[in-house]
Each structure stands twice: as C-alpha cells, then as structure tokens.
Amino acid sequence: NGGALAKALQMDMGNSALLEQLVNTNPRLQQICAAALEEPYDEMLLEHFLFLRSAKRGEYVEAYSHCERACACFQQIFEKDTSWSMPALHTLNLSLRLAAAAADKETDPP
C-alpha cells in the first residue's frame, strides 16, 4: 500500500518515542534493519533511520546525505513499480528537498 508506506516515511513518522530512541540511545540500527528486512530493503530503512536521527540532532548536512541514499535505494528498488509507489516516492522527495534546504542553511549561515 503506497499511501501507508508514504505515511510511514514522513519526516516525523508520527512516532515521537521512536525519534527519541534514535537520538538518545545508540541502537544497533544496521543489525536491527538487517534482521527486519531482506536486502535491499534493509539498506533503505537503515538510511531512512539515519536520516531521521541526524535531522533530529540538527546535523542537516549529514541528514541530507542519508536522505539522498534512502531515495536512491527506493528508486532503484521500485523503478518499475510506478503507480502504487508514487505516494512514497513523493514523500521521500519532499524529505530530500527539505533536508537540502536545511543543509544549505547550515553551510551558508546568514
């Protein structure tokens, strides 16, 4: 379900407890993602979690880098599935655009 996936990929994911855990603890994300999903989906999830953690910490250049990799993974996986995956792709691209704007502000302060 593309709509449900898009909602899960939103910047805050609607789950403040998860964001706090990503920021305040040091979970072994690579092992968690690898155990939860098969390749290449685990890499996409890992990059998305790293993006969320970096963004929440205010590390916007790093967040952009992780978001860009999550988008690339998604596009590679779903390049032939167009209709159902479009809502998720739009959500990821919006996150990428917002991450790029935040990274630009971080690197070019007023």
N, C-alpha and C. Protein backbone atom coordinates (compact mmCIF):
# COMPACT_ATOMS: atom_id res chain seq x y z
N ASN A 1 0.84 -1.17 0.00
CA ASN A 1 0.00 0.00 0.00
C ASN A 1 0.90 1.24 0.00
N GLY A 2 0.88 1.97 -1.11
CA GLY A 2 1.74 3.14 -1.26
C GLY A 2 1.43 4.26 -0.29
N GLY A 3 0.15 4.47 -0.02
CA GLY A 3 -0.23 5.53 0.92
C GLY A 3 0.26 5.25 2.33
N ALA A 4 0.14 4.00 2.76
CA ALA A 4 0.60 3.63 4.10
C ALA A 4 2.12 3.74 4.20
N LEU A 5 2.81 3.34 3.15
CA LEU A 5 4.27 3.46 3.13
C LEU A 5 4.67 4.93 3.17
N ALA A 6 3.98 5.77 2.42
CA ALA A 6 4.27 7.20 2.42
C ALA A 6 4.11 7.79 3.82
N LYS A 7 3.05 7.39 4.51
CA LYS A 7 2.82 7.90 5.86
C LYS A 7 3.93 7.44 6.81
N ALA A 8 4.37 6.20 6.65
CA ALA A 8 5.46 5.68 7.50
C ALA A 8 6.78 6.39 7.24
N LEU A 9 6.95 6.91 6.03
CA LEU A 9 8.21 7.57 5.67
C LEU A 9 8.21 9.07 5.92
N GLN A 10 7.13 9.60 6.47
CA GLN A 10 7.08 11.03 6.75
C GLN A 10 8.19 11.39 7.72
N MET A 11 8.59 12.63 7.68
CA MET A 11 9.73 13.09 8.45
C MET A 11 9.66 12.68 9.92
N ASP A 12 8.52 12.88 10.56
CA ASP A 12 8.44 12.54 11.98
C ASP A 12 7.87 11.15 12.20
N MET A 13 7.38 10.53 11.17
CA MET A 13 6.81 9.20 11.21
C MET A 13 5.66 9.11 12.22
N GLY A 14 5.25 10.23 12.79
CA GLY A 14 4.15 10.22 13.76
C GLY A 14 4.50 9.47 15.02
N ASN A 15 5.77 9.25 15.28
CA ASN A 15 6.17 8.44 16.41
C ASN A 15 7.30 9.13 17.16
N SER A 16 6.93 9.98 18.10
CA SER A 16 7.96 10.73 18.83
C SER A 16 8.81 9.82 19.70
N ALA A 17 8.25 8.72 20.20
CA ALA A 17 9.04 7.79 21.02
C ALA A 17 10.16 7.17 20.19
N LEU A 18 9.87 6.82 18.95
CA LEU A 18 10.91 6.25 18.08
C LEU A 18 12.01 7.28 17.82
N LEU A 19 11.62 8.52 17.53
CA LEU A 19 12.62 9.56 17.28
C LEU A 19 13.50 9.78 18.51
N GLU A 20 12.89 9.80 19.68
CA GLU A 20 13.67 9.99 20.91
C GLU A 20 14.64 8.84 21.12
N GLN A 21 14.20 7.63 20.83
CA GLN A 21 15.07 6.47 20.97
C GLN A 21 16.23 6.53 19.97
N LEU A 22 15.95 6.97 18.74
CA LEU A 22 17.01 7.09 17.75
C LEU A 22 18.06 8.10 18.15
N VAL A 23 17.62 9.19 18.80
CA VAL A 23 18.52 10.28 19.15
C VAL A 23 19.23 10.02 20.48
N ASN A 24 18.50 9.53 21.47
CA ASN A 24 19.04 9.45 22.82
C ASN A 24 19.72 8.14 23.17
N THR A 25 19.56 7.14 22.34
CA THR A 25 20.25 5.88 22.58
C THR A 25 21.09 5.57 21.35
N ASN A 26 21.84 4.53 21.43
CA ASN A 26 22.66 4.16 20.29
C ASN A 26 22.27 2.75 19.84
N PRO A 27 21.05 2.62 19.29
CA PRO A 27 20.64 1.28 18.86
C PRO A 27 21.51 0.80 17.70
N ARG A 28 21.68 -0.49 17.62
CA ARG A 28 22.46 -1.06 16.52
C ARG A 28 21.56 -1.16 15.31
N LEU A 29 21.42 -0.03 14.63
CA LEU A 29 20.45 0.09 13.54
C LEU A 29 20.72 -0.87 12.40
N GLN A 30 21.97 -1.06 12.06
CA GLN A 30 22.28 -1.94 10.93
C GLN A 30 21.81 -3.36 11.21
N GLN A 31 22.06 -3.85 12.42
CA GLN A 31 21.62 -5.20 12.76
C GLN A 31 20.10 -5.29 12.85
N ILE A 32 19.48 -4.26 13.38
CA ILE A 32 18.02 -4.25 13.51
C ILE A 32 17.36 -4.27 12.13
N CYS A 33 17.85 -3.43 11.24
CA CYS A 33 17.27 -3.36 9.89
C CYS A 33 17.52 -4.65 9.12
N ALA A 34 18.72 -5.21 9.26
CA ALA A 34 19.04 -6.45 8.56
C ALA A 34 18.18 -7.60 9.06
N ALA A 35 17.86 -7.60 10.34
CA ALA A 35 17.02 -8.66 10.90
C ALA A 35 15.56 -8.48 10.49
N ALA A 36 15.14 -7.23 10.28
CA ALA A 36 13.74 -6.94 9.99
C ALA A 36 13.38 -7.12 8.52
N LEU A 37 14.33 -6.80 7.63
CA LEU A 37 14.03 -6.82 6.19
C LEU A 37 15.15 -7.47 5.40
N GLU A 38 14.80 -7.97 4.23
CA GLU A 38 15.79 -8.53 3.32
C GLU A 38 16.46 -7.40 2.55
N GLU A 39 17.62 -7.74 1.94
CA GLU A 39 18.26 -6.79 1.05
C GLU A 39 17.38 -6.59 -0.18
N PRO A 40 17.32 -5.45 -0.74
CA PRO A 40 17.94 -4.16 -0.42
C PRO A 40 17.06 -3.28 0.46
N TYR A 41 15.93 -3.82 0.92
CA TYR A 41 15.01 -3.02 1.73
C TYR A 41 15.64 -2.61 3.06
N ASP A 42 16.51 -3.45 3.61
CA ASP A 42 17.15 -3.13 4.88
C ASP A 42 18.01 -1.88 4.76
N GLU A 43 18.69 -1.72 3.62
CA GLU A 43 19.54 -0.54 3.42
C GLU A 43 18.70 0.74 3.34
N MET A 44 17.56 0.65 2.65
CA MET A 44 16.68 1.81 2.54
C MET A 44 16.17 2.22 3.93
N LEU A 45 15.75 1.23 4.73
CA LEU A 45 15.27 1.52 6.08
C LEU A 45 16.37 2.08 6.95
N LEU A 46 17.56 1.51 6.86
CA LEU A 46 18.70 2.00 7.64
C LEU A 46 19.00 3.45 7.30
N GLU A 47 19.07 3.77 6.02
CA GLU A 47 19.36 5.15 5.62
C GLU A 47 18.27 6.10 6.08
N HIS A 48 17.03 5.64 6.05
CA HIS A 48 15.93 6.49 6.50
C HIS A 48 16.03 6.75 8.00
N PHE A 49 16.33 5.72 8.79
CA PHE A 49 16.50 5.91 10.23
C PHE A 49 17.68 6.84 10.52
N LEU A 50 18.78 6.67 9.80
CA LEU A 50 19.94 7.56 10.00
C LEU A 50 19.60 8.99 9.62
N PHE A 51 18.80 9.16 8.57
CA PHE A 51 18.33 10.49 8.18
C PHE A 51 17.51 11.11 9.30
N LEU A 52 16.56 10.35 9.85
CA LEU A 52 15.72 10.88 10.92
C LEU A 52 16.55 11.26 12.14
N ARG A 53 17.51 10.40 12.49
CA ARG A 53 18.34 10.68 13.66
C ARG A 53 19.17 11.95 13.44
N SER A 54 19.80 12.05 12.28
CA SER A 54 20.64 13.23 12.01
C SER A 54 19.82 14.51 11.97
N ALA A 55 18.64 14.44 11.36
CA ALA A 55 17.78 15.62 11.29
C ALA A 55 17.33 16.04 12.69
N LYS A 56 16.96 15.09 13.51
CA LYS A 56 16.51 15.40 14.87
C LYS A 56 17.65 15.99 15.70
N ARG A 57 18.87 15.58 15.42
CA ARG A 57 20.04 16.12 16.14
C ARG A 57 20.49 17.47 15.60
N GLY A 58 19.89 17.91 14.48
CA GLY A 58 20.28 19.18 13.89
C GLY A 58 21.51 19.08 13.01
N GLU A 59 21.87 17.87 12.62
CA GLU A 59 23.02 17.63 11.73
C GLU A 59 22.49 17.53 10.30
N TYR A 60 22.20 18.68 9.71
CA TYR A 60 21.43 18.72 8.47
C TYR A 60 22.20 18.28 7.22
N VAL A 61 23.48 18.53 7.18
CA VAL A 61 24.26 18.08 6.03
C VAL A 61 24.32 16.55 6.03
N GLU A 62 24.56 15.98 7.18
CA GLU A 62 24.58 14.52 7.30
C GLU A 62 23.19 13.95 7.03
N ALA A 63 22.15 14.62 7.52
CA ALA A 63 20.78 14.16 7.28
C ALA A 63 20.47 14.14 5.79
N TYR A 64 20.89 15.17 5.09
CA TYR A 64 20.68 15.22 3.64
C TYR A 64 21.35 14.04 2.96
N SER A 65 22.57 13.73 3.35
CA SER A 65 23.31 12.63 2.74
C SER A 65 22.57 11.30 2.93
N HIS A 66 22.07 11.06 4.13
CA HIS A 66 21.32 9.83 4.40
C HIS A 66 20.00 9.81 3.64
N CYS A 67 19.34 10.94 3.58
CA CYS A 67 18.06 11.02 2.85
C CYS A 67 18.27 10.76 1.36
N GLU A 68 19.35 11.31 0.83
CA GLU A 68 19.65 11.10 -0.58
C GLU A 68 19.88 9.61 -0.87
N ARG A 69 20.59 8.93 0.03
CA ARG A 69 20.82 7.49 -0.16
C ARG A 69 19.54 6.69 0.00
N ALA A 70 18.67 7.08 0.92
CA ALA A 70 17.38 6.39 1.08
C ALA A 70 16.55 6.54 -0.19
N CYS A 71 16.54 7.75 -0.76
CA CYS A 71 15.80 7.99 -2.01
C CYS A 71 16.37 7.15 -3.15
N ALA A 72 17.68 7.10 -3.25
CA ALA A 72 18.31 6.32 -4.31
C ALA A 72 17.99 4.83 -4.17
N CYS A 73 18.01 4.33 -2.94
CA CYS A 73 17.65 2.93 -2.70
C CYS A 73 16.21 2.68 -3.13
N PHE A 74 15.31 3.57 -2.72
CA PHE A 74 13.89 3.41 -3.05
C PHE A 74 13.70 3.40 -4.56
N GLN A 75 14.32 4.35 -5.24
CA GLN A 75 14.14 4.45 -6.69
C GLN A 75 14.72 3.24 -7.40
N GLN A 76 15.81 2.71 -6.89
CA GLN A 76 16.40 1.52 -7.50
C GLN A 76 15.49 0.30 -7.29
N ILE A 77 14.93 0.17 -6.12
CA ILE A 77 14.08 -0.98 -5.80
C ILE A 77 12.77 -0.91 -6.57
N PHE A 78 12.18 0.27 -6.62
CA PHE A 78 10.83 0.41 -7.17
C PHE A 78 10.80 1.10 -8.53
N GLU A 79 11.88 1.04 -9.28
CA GLU A 79 11.93 1.76 -10.55
C GLU A 79 10.87 1.30 -11.55
N LYS A 80 10.43 0.07 -11.45
CA LYS A 80 9.42 -0.42 -12.39
C LYS A 80 8.00 -0.36 -11.83
N ASP A 81 7.87 -0.20 -10.52
CA ASP A 81 6.55 -0.10 -9.87
C ASP A 81 6.18 1.37 -9.75
N THR A 82 5.39 1.86 -10.67
CA THR A 82 5.14 3.29 -10.69
C THR A 82 3.89 3.72 -9.94
N SER A 83 2.77 3.12 -10.18
CA SER A 83 1.52 3.68 -9.66
C SER A 83 1.40 3.57 -8.14
N TRP A 84 1.59 2.40 -7.58
CA TRP A 84 1.36 2.26 -6.15
C TRP A 84 2.46 2.91 -5.33
N SER A 85 3.68 3.00 -5.86
CA SER A 85 4.80 3.53 -5.09
C SER A 85 4.93 5.05 -5.16
N MET A 86 4.13 5.70 -5.98
CA MET A 86 4.25 7.15 -6.16
C MET A 86 4.04 7.94 -4.87
N PRO A 87 3.04 7.65 -4.03
CA PRO A 87 2.92 8.42 -2.79
C PRO A 87 4.17 8.35 -1.92
N ALA A 88 4.79 7.18 -1.82
CA ALA A 88 6.00 7.05 -1.02
C ALA A 88 7.15 7.82 -1.66
N LEU A 89 7.25 7.75 -2.98
CA LEU A 89 8.30 8.49 -3.68
C LEU A 89 8.14 10.00 -3.48
N HIS A 90 6.92 10.48 -3.52
CA HIS A 90 6.66 11.91 -3.28
C HIS A 90 7.08 12.30 -1.87
N THR A 91 6.77 11.46 -0.90
CA THR A 91 7.14 11.75 0.49
C THR A 91 8.65 11.78 0.65
N LEU A 92 9.33 10.81 0.07
CA LEU A 92 10.80 10.79 0.15
C LEU A 92 11.41 12.01 -0.54
N ASN A 93 10.88 12.37 -1.68
CA ASN A 93 11.42 13.54 -2.40
C ASN A 93 11.16 14.83 -1.65
N LEU A 94 10.02 14.93 -0.97
CA LEU A 94 9.76 16.10 -0.14
C LEU A 94 10.76 16.16 1.01
N SER A 95 11.01 15.02 1.65
CA SER A 95 12.00 14.98 2.72
C SER A 95 13.37 15.39 2.20
N LEU A 96 13.72 14.94 0.99
CA LEU A 96 15.00 15.29 0.39
C LEU A 96 15.09 16.79 0.14
N ARG A 97 14.02 17.37 -0.37
CA ARG A 97 14.01 18.82 -0.64
C ARG A 97 14.16 19.61 0.65
N LEU A 98 13.42 19.21 1.70
CA LEU A 98 13.50 19.90 2.98
C LEU A 98 14.88 19.71 3.62
N ALA A 99 15.44 18.51 3.47
CA ALA A 99 16.78 18.25 4.01
C ALA A 99 17.83 19.09 3.28
N ALA A 100 17.67 19.24 1.98
CA ALA A 100 18.62 20.06 1.20
C ALA A 100 18.54 21.52 1.64
N ALA A 101 17.34 22.02 1.86
CA ALA A 101 17.18 23.41 2.30
C ALA A 101 17.81 23.62 3.67
N ALA A 102 17.61 22.67 4.58
CA ALA A 102 18.20 22.78 5.91
C ALA A 102 19.72 22.68 5.85
N ALA A 103 20.24 21.80 4.99
CA ALA A 103 21.69 21.66 4.84
C ALA A 103 22.30 22.93 4.26
N ASP A 104 21.59 23.55 3.32
CA ASP A 104 22.07 24.81 2.75
C ASP A 104 22.16 25.89 3.83
N LYS A 105 21.16 25.96 4.70
CA LYS A 105 21.20 26.95 5.78
C LYS A 105 22.33 26.68 6.74
N GLU A 106 22.61 25.39 6.98
CA GLU A 106 23.69 25.03 7.89
C GLU A 106 25.04 25.39 7.32
N THR A 107 25.23 25.25 6.02
CA THR A 107 26.54 25.52 5.42
C THR A 107 26.71 26.98 5.02
N ASP A 108 25.61 27.70 4.83
CA ASP A 108 25.67 29.13 4.47
C ASP A 108 24.90 29.96 5.48
N PRO A 109 25.44 30.12 6.70
CA PRO A 109 24.73 30.92 7.69
C PRO A 109 24.63 32.38 7.24
N PRO A 110 23.59 33.08 7.71
CA PRO A 110 23.41 34.49 7.29
C PRO A 110 24.51 35.41 7.75
